[in-house]
């Protein structure tokens, strides 16, 4: 699942978002995700928050067993491609 989410977000938000880490927790057959992402240092905070909200929606729509997604933003870090 982590690989699919990483690829999905990288293709939906090219150049704006790199998935650094995905942590999943299972609770009674449902999944809660914590997704840590890097964004370009010059992105405005409101734009970063909007992208994070859209990313959450994409994940929730794509996976019926995911009930919660928390995106953690790492702003001000240079984006480097992370291979998962």
PDB file of N, CA and C in Angstrom:
ATOM      1  N   UNK A   1       0.818  -1.191   0.000  1.00  0.00           N
ATOM      2  CA  UNK A   1       0.000   0.000   0.000  1.00  0.00           C
ATOM      3  C   UNK A   1       0.866   1.262   0.000  1.00  0.00           C
ATOM      4  N   UNK A   2       1.962   1.256   0.775  1.00  0.00           N
ATOM      5  CA  UNK A   2       2.822   2.443   0.854  1.00  0.00           C
ATOM      6  C   UNK A   2       3.397   2.814  -0.514  1.00  0.00           C
ATOM      7  N   UNK A   3       3.815   1.794  -1.257  1.00  0.00           N
ATOM      8  CA  UNK A   3       4.377   2.036  -2.588  1.00  0.00           C
ATOM      9  C   UNK A   3       3.330   2.658  -3.518  1.00  0.00           C
ATOM     10  N   UNK A   4       2.128   2.147  -3.481  1.00  0.00           N
ATOM     11  CA  UNK A   4       1.048   2.655  -4.332  1.00  0.00           C
ATOM     12  C   UNK A   4       0.722   4.100  -3.974  1.00  0.00           C
ATOM     13  N   UNK A   5       0.631   4.388  -2.680  1.00  0.00           N
ATOM     14  CA  UNK A   5       0.324   5.758  -2.238  1.00  0.00           C
ATOM     15  C   UNK A   5       1.426   6.717  -2.648  1.00  0.00           C
ATOM     16  N   UNK A   6       2.675   6.308  -2.462  1.00  0.00           N
ATOM     17  CA  UNK A   6       3.796   7.153  -2.834  1.00  0.00           C
ATOM     18  C   UNK A   6       3.772   7.478  -4.329  1.00  0.00           C
ATOM     19  N   UNK A   7       3.560   6.473  -5.152  1.00  0.00           N
ATOM     20  CA  UNK A   7       3.488   6.692  -6.599  1.00  0.00           C
ATOM     21  C   UNK A   7       2.293   7.553  -6.982  1.00  0.00           C
ATOM     22  N   UNK A   8       1.145   7.301  -6.351  1.00  0.00           N
ATOM     23  CA  UNK A   8      -0.065   8.056  -6.656  1.00  0.00           C
ATOM     24  C   UNK A   8       0.137   9.542  -6.354  1.00  0.00           C
ATOM     25  N   UNK A   9       0.671   9.849  -5.186  1.00  0.00           N
ATOM     26  CA  UNK A   9       0.860  11.250  -4.813  1.00  0.00           C
ATOM     27  C   UNK A   9       1.940  11.920  -5.653  1.00  0.00           C
ATOM     28  N   UNK A  10       2.999  11.188  -5.965  1.00  0.00           N
ATOM     29  CA  UNK A  10       4.060  11.757  -6.800  1.00  0.00           C
ATOM     30  C   UNK A  10       3.554  12.096  -8.193  1.00  0.00           C
ATOM     31  N   UNK A  11       2.644  11.280  -8.724  1.00  0.00           N
ATOM     32  CA  UNK A  11       2.113  11.558 -10.059  1.00  0.00           C
ATOM     33  C   UNK A  11       1.027  12.628 -10.021  1.00  0.00           C
ATOM     34  N   UNK A  12       0.263  12.703  -8.928  1.00  0.00           N
ATOM     35  CA  UNK A  12      -0.794  13.719  -8.811  1.00  0.00           C
ATOM     36  C   UNK A  12      -0.227  15.113  -8.550  1.00  0.00           C
ATOM     37  N   UNK A  13       0.898  15.188  -7.852  1.00  0.00           N
ATOM     38  CA  UNK A  13       1.476  16.468  -7.449  1.00  0.00           C
ATOM     39  C   UNK A  13       2.962  16.524  -7.820  1.00  0.00           C
ATOM     40  N   UNK A  14       3.290  16.355  -9.111  1.00  0.00           N
ATOM     41  CA  UNK A  14       4.711  16.316  -9.503  1.00  0.00           C
ATOM     42  C   UNK A  14       5.417  17.642  -9.198  1.00  0.00           C
ATOM     43  N   UNK A  15       6.583  17.525  -8.599  1.00  0.00           N
ATOM     44  CA  UNK A  15       7.378  18.714  -8.298  1.00  0.00           C
ATOM     45  C   UNK A  15       6.938  19.459  -7.056  1.00  0.00           C
ATOM     46  N   UNK A  16       5.752  19.147  -6.520  1.00  0.00           N
ATOM     47  CA  UNK A  16       5.251  19.849  -5.344  1.00  0.00           C
ATOM     48  C   UNK A  16       5.322  19.025  -4.074  1.00  0.00           C
ATOM     49  N   UNK A  17       5.550  17.728  -4.229  1.00  0.00           N
ATOM     50  CA  UNK A  17       5.418  16.866  -3.070  1.00  0.00           C
ATOM     51  C   UNK A  17       6.251  15.609  -3.256  1.00  0.00           C
ATOM     52  N   UNK A  18       6.992  15.253  -2.223  1.00  0.00           N
ATOM     53  CA  UNK A  18       7.723  13.995  -2.216  1.00  0.00           C
ATOM     54  C   UNK A  18       7.379  13.281  -0.917  1.00  0.00           C
ATOM     55  N   UNK A  19       6.950  12.052  -1.032  1.00  0.00           N
ATOM     56  CA  UNK A  19       6.621  11.257   0.148  1.00  0.00           C
ATOM     57  C   UNK A  19       7.915  10.786   0.798  1.00  0.00           C
ATOM     58  N   UNK A  20       8.097  11.145   2.058  1.00  0.00           N
ATOM     59  CA  UNK A  20       9.287  10.752   2.802  1.00  0.00           C
ATOM     60  C   UNK A  20       9.056   9.461   3.583  1.00  0.00           C
ATOM     61  N   UNK A  21       7.879   9.339   4.221  1.00  0.00           N
ATOM     62  CA  UNK A  21       7.610   8.186   5.068  1.00  0.00           C
ATOM     63  C   UNK A  21       6.098   7.997   5.190  1.00  0.00           C
ATOM     64  N   UNK A  22       5.675   6.752   5.216  1.00  0.00           N
ATOM     65  CA  UNK A  22       4.277   6.415   5.456  1.00  0.00           C
ATOM     66  C   UNK A  22       4.235   5.419   6.605  1.00  0.00           C
ATOM     67  N   UNK A  23       3.454   5.753   7.612  1.00  0.00           N
ATOM     68  CA  UNK A  23       3.267   4.859   8.742  1.00  0.00           C
ATOM     69  C   UNK A  23       1.792   4.474   8.781  1.00  0.00           C
ATOM     70  N   UNK A  24       1.530   3.180   8.845  1.00  0.00           N
ATOM     71  CA  UNK A  24       0.137   2.732   8.894  1.00  0.00           C
ATOM     72  C   UNK A  24      -0.138   2.026  10.216  1.00  0.00           C
ATOM     73  N   UNK A  25      -1.360   2.205  10.685  1.00  0.00           N
ATOM     74  CA  UNK A  25      -1.823   1.558  11.906  1.00  0.00           C
ATOM     75  C   UNK A  25      -3.137   0.879  11.584  1.00  0.00           C
ATOM     76  N   UNK A  26      -3.315  -0.322  12.083  1.00  0.00           N
ATOM     77  CA  UNK A  26      -4.540  -1.065  11.852  1.00  0.00           C
ATOM     78  C   UNK A  26      -5.391  -1.035  13.116  1.00  0.00           C
ATOM     79  N   UNK A  27      -6.679  -0.771  12.929  1.00  0.00           N
ATOM     80  CA  UNK A  27      -7.616  -0.723  14.038  1.00  0.00           C
ATOM     81  C   UNK A  27      -8.908  -1.401  13.617  1.00  0.00           C
ATOM     82  N   UNK A  28      -9.143  -2.598  14.104  1.00  0.00           N
ATOM     83  CA  UNK A  28     -10.346  -3.368  13.806  1.00  0.00           C
ATOM     84  C   UNK A  28     -10.579  -3.499  12.300  1.00  0.00           C
ATOM     85  N   UNK A  29      -9.517  -3.819  11.580  1.00  0.00           N
ATOM     86  CA  UNK A  29      -9.622  -4.038  10.143  1.00  0.00           C
ATOM     87  C   UNK A  29      -9.580  -2.775   9.294  1.00  0.00           C
ATOM     88  N   UNK A  30      -9.524  -1.625   9.918  1.00  0.00           N
ATOM     89  CA  UNK A  30      -9.423  -0.350   9.200  1.00  0.00           C
ATOM     90  C   UNK A  30      -8.019   0.202   9.371  1.00  0.00           C
ATOM     91  N   UNK A  31      -7.618   1.081   8.469  1.00  0.00           N
ATOM     92  CA  UNK A  31      -6.249   1.584   8.468  1.00  0.00           C
ATOM     93  C   UNK A  31      -6.228   3.090   8.696  1.00  0.00           C
ATOM     94  N   UNK A  32      -5.318   3.509   9.555  1.00  0.00           N
ATOM     95  CA  UNK A  32      -5.047   4.920   9.778  1.00  0.00           C
ATOM     96  C   UNK A  32      -3.638   5.177   9.251  1.00  0.00           C
ATOM     97  N   UNK A  33      -3.480   6.222   8.446  1.00  0.00           N
ATOM     98  CA  UNK A  33      -2.188   6.510   7.829  1.00  0.00           C
ATOM     99  C   UNK A  33      -1.624   7.838   8.307  1.00  0.00           C
ATOM    100  N   UNK A  34      -0.330   7.836   8.492  1.00  0.00           N
ATOM    101  CA  UNK A  34       0.416   9.066   8.737  1.00  0.00           C
ATOM    102  C   UNK A  34       1.416   9.176   7.593  1.00  0.00           C
ATOM    103  N   UNK A  35       1.322  10.246   6.829  1.00  0.00           N
ATOM    104  CA  UNK A  35       2.157  10.421   5.640  1.00  0.00           C
ATOM    105  C   UNK A  35       2.999  11.682   5.814  1.00  0.00           C
ATOM    106  N   UNK A  36       4.316  11.496   5.830  1.00  0.00           N
ATOM    107  CA  UNK A  36       5.229  12.636   5.946  1.00  0.00           C
ATOM    108  C   UNK A  36       5.713  12.997   4.549  1.00  0.00           C
ATOM    109  N   UNK A  37       5.533  14.268   4.181  1.00  0.00           N
ATOM    110  CA  UNK A  37       5.910  14.716   2.841  1.00  0.00           C
ATOM    111  C   UNK A  37       6.811  15.946   2.917  1.00  0.00           C
ATOM    112  N   UNK A  38       7.671  16.082   1.904  1.00  0.00           N
ATOM    113  CA  UNK A  38       8.481  17.285   1.728  1.00  0.00           C
ATOM    114  C   UNK A  38       7.892  18.097   0.598  1.00  0.00           C
ATOM    115  N   UNK A  39       8.003  19.399   0.751  1.00  0.00           N
ATOM    116  CA  UNK A  39       7.548  20.317  -0.298  1.00  0.00           C
ATOM    117  C   UNK A  39       8.640  21.346  -0.533  1.00  0.00           C
ATOM    118  N   UNK A  40       8.606  22.003  -1.693  1.00  0.00           N
ATOM    119  CA  UNK A  40       9.661  22.968  -2.011  1.00  0.00           C
ATOM    120  C   UNK A  40       9.750  24.092  -0.978  1.00  0.00           C
ATOM    121  N   UNK A  41      10.940  24.629  -0.759  1.00  0.00           N
ATOM    122  CA  UNK A  41      11.109  25.676   0.251  1.00  0.00           C
ATOM    123  C   UNK A  41      10.399  26.986  -0.102  1.00  0.00           C
ATOM    124  N   UNK A  42      10.068  27.196  -1.358  1.00  0.00           N
ATOM    125  CA  UNK A  42       9.439  28.456  -1.756  1.00  0.00           C
ATOM    126  C   UNK A  42       7.911  28.380  -1.815  1.00  0.00           C
ATOM    127  N   UNK A  43       7.320  27.266  -1.419  1.00  0.00           N
ATOM    128  CA  UNK A  43       5.869  27.131  -1.483  1.00  0.00           C
ATOM    129  C   UNK A  43       5.236  27.881  -0.308  1.00  0.00           C
ATOM    130  N   UNK A  44       4.131  28.553  -0.571  1.00  0.00           N
ATOM    131  CA  UNK A  44       3.407  29.244   0.480  1.00  0.00           C
ATOM    132  C   UNK A  44       2.719  28.221   1.382  1.00  0.00           C
ATOM    133  N   UNK A  45       2.631  28.537   2.660  1.00  0.00           N
ATOM    134  CA  UNK A  45       2.033  27.598   3.610  1.00  0.00           C
ATOM    135  C   UNK A  45       0.596  27.275   3.227  1.00  0.00           C
ATOM    136  N   UNK A  46      -0.186  28.259   2.813  1.00  0.00           N
ATOM    137  CA  UNK A  46      -1.583  27.981   2.440  1.00  0.00           C
ATOM    138  C   UNK A  46      -1.658  27.054   1.236  1.00  0.00           C
ATOM    139  N   UNK A  47      -0.707  27.192   0.291  1.00  0.00           N
ATOM    140  CA  UNK A  47      -0.687  26.301  -0.869  1.00  0.00           C
ATOM    141  C   UNK A  47      -0.286  24.885  -0.442  1.00  0.00           C
ATOM    142  N   UNK A  48       0.660  24.789   0.474  1.00  0.00           N
ATOM    143  CA  UNK A  48       1.084  23.480   0.980  1.00  0.00           C
ATOM    144  C   UNK A  48      -0.070  22.789   1.699  1.00  0.00           C
ATOM    145  N   UNK A  49      -0.828  23.550   2.474  1.00  0.00           N
ATOM    146  CA  UNK A  49      -1.969  22.979   3.192  1.00  0.00           C
ATOM    147  C   UNK A  49      -3.050  22.516   2.220  1.00  0.00           C
ATOM    148  N   UNK A  50      -3.257  23.267   1.155  1.00  0.00           N
ATOM    149  CA  UNK A  50      -4.253  22.879   0.151  1.00  0.00           C
ATOM    150  C   UNK A  50      -3.835  21.578  -0.545  1.00  0.00           C
ATOM    151  N   UNK A  51      -2.567  21.478  -0.900  1.00  0.00           N
ATOM    152  CA  UNK A  51      -2.060  20.255  -1.537  1.00  0.00           C
ATOM    153  C   UNK A  51      -2.211  19.077  -0.577  1.00  0.00           C
ATOM    154  N   UNK A  52      -1.901  19.293   0.702  1.00  0.00           N
ATOM    155  CA  UNK A  52      -2.025  18.221   1.699  1.00  0.00           C
ATOM    156  C   UNK A  52      -3.479  17.766   1.819  1.00  0.00           C
ATOM    157  N   UNK A  53      -4.428  18.696   1.817  1.00  0.00           N
ATOM    158  CA  UNK A  53      -5.847  18.341   1.891  1.00  0.00           C
ATOM    159  C   UNK A  53      -6.266  17.533   0.669  1.00  0.00           C
ATOM    160  N   UNK A  54      -5.811  17.948  -0.500  1.00  0.00           N
ATOM    161  CA  UNK A  54      -6.128  17.210  -1.727  1.00  0.00           C
ATOM    162  C   UNK A  54      -5.514  15.810  -1.690  1.00  0.00           C
ATOM    163  N   UNK A  55      -4.298  15.704  -1.181  1.00  0.00           N
ATOM    164  CA  UNK A  55      -3.639  14.399  -1.085  1.00  0.00           C
ATOM    165  C   UNK A  55      -4.421  13.472  -0.158  1.00  0.00           C
ATOM    166  N   UNK A  56      -4.889  14.004   0.968  1.00  0.00           N
ATOM    167  CA  UNK A  56      -5.700  13.210   1.891  1.00  0.00           C
ATOM    168  C   UNK A  56      -6.952  12.677   1.194  1.00  0.00           C
ATOM    169  N   UNK A  57      -7.628  13.554   0.451  1.00  0.00           N
ATOM    170  CA  UNK A  57      -8.844  13.145  -0.269  1.00  0.00           C
ATOM    171  C   UNK A  57      -8.552  12.048  -1.284  1.00  0.00           C
ATOM    172  N   UNK A  58      -7.461  12.198  -2.014  1.00  0.00           N
ATOM    173  CA  UNK A  58      -7.085  11.183  -3.018  1.00  0.00           C
ATOM    174  C   UNK A  58      -6.874   9.820  -2.360  1.00  0.00           C
ATOM    175  N   UNK A  59      -6.182   9.816  -1.229  1.00  0.00           N
ATOM    176  CA  UNK A  59      -5.916   8.554  -0.542  1.00  0.00           C
ATOM    177  C   UNK A  59      -7.214   7.933  -0.032  1.00  0.00           C
ATOM    178  N   UNK A  60      -8.062   8.738   0.598  1.00  0.00           N
ATOM    179  CA  UNK A  60      -9.319   8.224   1.140  1.00  0.00           C
ATOM    180  C   UNK A  60     -10.236   7.681   0.043  1.00  0.00           C
ATOM    181  N   UNK A  61     -10.231   8.330  -1.124  1.00  0.00           N
ATOM    182  CA  UNK A  61     -11.051   7.862  -2.245  1.00  0.00           C
ATOM    183  C   UNK A  61     -10.497   6.577  -2.854  1.00  0.00           C
ATOM    184  N   UNK A  62      -9.188   6.426  -2.831  1.00  0.00           N
ATOM    185  CA  UNK A  62      -8.556   5.275  -3.489  1.00  0.00           C
ATOM    186  C   UNK A  62      -8.610   3.996  -2.642  1.00  0.00           C
ATOM    187  N   UNK A  63      -8.687   4.143  -1.323  1.00  0.00           N
ATOM    188  CA  UNK A  63      -8.621   2.973  -0.441  1.00  0.00           C
ATOM    189  C   UNK A  63      -9.811   2.985   0.514  1.00  0.00           C
ATOM    190  N   UNK A  64     -10.730   2.070   0.314  1.00  0.00           N
ATOM    191  CA  UNK A  64     -11.939   2.037   1.136  1.00  0.00           C
ATOM    192  C   UNK A  64     -11.666   1.621   2.583  1.00  0.00           C
ATOM    193  N   UNK A  65     -10.560   0.929   2.829  1.00  0.00           N
ATOM    194  CA  UNK A  65     -10.256   0.495   4.193  1.00  0.00           C
ATOM    195  C   UNK A  65      -9.445   1.515   4.985  1.00  0.00           C
ATOM    196  N   UNK A  66      -9.094   2.642   4.367  1.00  0.00           N
ATOM    197  CA  UNK A  66      -8.395   3.710   5.076  1.00  0.00           C
ATOM    198  C   UNK A  66      -9.451   4.668   5.627  1.00  0.00           C
ATOM    199  N   UNK A  67      -9.459   4.846   6.944  1.00  0.00           N
ATOM    200  CA  UNK A  67     -10.478   5.696   7.555  1.00  0.00           C
ATOM    201  C   UNK A  67      -9.939   7.060   7.989  1.00  0.00           C
ATOM    202  N   UNK A  68      -8.612   7.184   8.079  1.00  0.00           N
ATOM    203  CA  UNK A  68      -8.038   8.471   8.462  1.00  0.00           C
ATOM    204  C   UNK A  68      -6.658   8.624   7.839  1.00  0.00           C
ATOM    205  N   UNK A  69      -6.388   9.839   7.356  1.00  0.00           N
ATOM    206  CA  UNK A  69      -5.076  10.161   6.796  1.00  0.00           C
ATOM    207  C   UNK A  69      -4.605  11.457   7.438  1.00  0.00           C
ATOM    208  N   UNK A  70      -3.394  11.440   7.931  1.00  0.00           N
ATOM    209  CA  UNK A  70      -2.781  12.636   8.498  1.00  0.00           C
ATOM    210  C   UNK A  70      -1.517  12.929   7.682  1.00  0.00           C
ATOM    211  N   UNK A  71      -1.510  14.081   7.013  1.00  0.00           N
ATOM    212  CA  UNK A  71      -0.340  14.485   6.230  1.00  0.00           C
ATOM    213  C   UNK A  71       0.510  15.416   7.095  1.00  0.00           C
ATOM    214  N   UNK A  72       1.772  15.063   7.281  1.00  0.00           N
ATOM    215  CA  UNK A  72       2.701  15.926   7.995  1.00  0.00           C
ATOM    216  C   UNK A  72       3.588  16.613   6.970  1.00  0.00           C
ATOM    217  N   UNK A  73       3.591  17.937   7.001  1.00  0.00           N
ATOM    218  CA  UNK A  73       4.348  18.717   6.030  1.00  0.00           C
ATOM    219  C   UNK A  73       5.744  19.026   6.543  1.00  0.00           C
ATOM    220  N   UNK A  74       6.709  18.837   5.668  1.00  0.00           N
ATOM    221  CA  UNK A  74       8.086  19.269   5.939  1.00  0.00           C
ATOM    222  C   UNK A  74       8.372  20.380   4.943  1.00  0.00           C
ATOM    223  N   UNK A  75       8.238  21.604   5.395  1.00  0.00           N
ATOM    224  CA  UNK A  75       8.449  22.751   4.526  1.00  0.00           C
ATOM    225  C   UNK A  75       9.872  23.258   4.690  1.00  0.00           C
ATOM    226  N   UNK A  76      10.390  23.866   3.628  1.00  0.00           N
ATOM    227  CA  UNK A  76      11.713  24.446   3.701  1.00  0.00           C
ATOM    228  C   UNK A  76      12.843  23.479   3.440  1.00  0.00           C
ATOM    229  N   UNK A  77      12.519  22.250   3.101  1.00  0.00           N
ATOM    230  CA  UNK A  77      13.537  21.257   2.762  1.00  0.00           C
ATOM    231  C   UNK A  77      13.569  21.101   1.253  1.00  0.00           C
ATOM    232  N   UNK A  78      14.744  21.024   0.702  1.00  0.00           N
ATOM    233  CA  UNK A  78      14.862  20.793  -0.732  1.00  0.00           C
ATOM    234  C   UNK A  78      14.249  19.451  -1.070  1.00  0.00           C
ATOM    235  N   UNK A  79      13.539  19.418  -2.191  1.00  0.00           N
ATOM    236  CA  UNK A  79      12.887  18.166  -2.612  1.00  0.00           C
ATOM    237  C   UNK A  79      13.904  17.305  -3.335  1.00  0.00           C
ATOM    238  N   UNK A  80      14.020  16.088  -2.852  1.00  0.00           N
ATOM    239  CA  UNK A  80      14.836  15.092  -3.546  1.00  0.00           C
ATOM    240  C   UNK A  80      13.960  13.875  -3.725  1.00  0.00           C
ATOM    241  N   UNK A  81      14.110  13.211  -4.827  1.00  0.00           N
ATOM    242  CA  UNK A  81      13.278  12.030  -5.095  1.00  0.00           C
ATOM    243  C   UNK A  81      13.652  10.920  -4.137  1.00  0.00           C
ATOM    244  N   UNK A  82      12.647  10.352  -3.526  1.00  0.00           N
ATOM    245  CA  UNK A  82      12.832   9.228  -2.622  1.00  0.00           C
ATOM    246  C   UNK A  82      12.239   8.015  -3.298  1.00  0.00           C
ATOM    247  N   UNK A  83      13.016   6.972  -3.389  1.00  0.00           N
ATOM    248  CA  UNK A  83      12.511   5.739  -4.014  1.00  0.00           C
ATOM    249  C   UNK A  83      11.987   4.807  -2.941  1.00  0.00           C
ATOM    250  N   UNK A  84      10.754   4.368  -3.128  1.00  0.00           N
ATOM    251  CA  UNK A  84      10.130   3.416  -2.184  1.00  0.00           C
ATOM    252  C   UNK A  84       9.967   2.094  -2.867  1.00  0.00           C
TER     253      UNK A  84
END
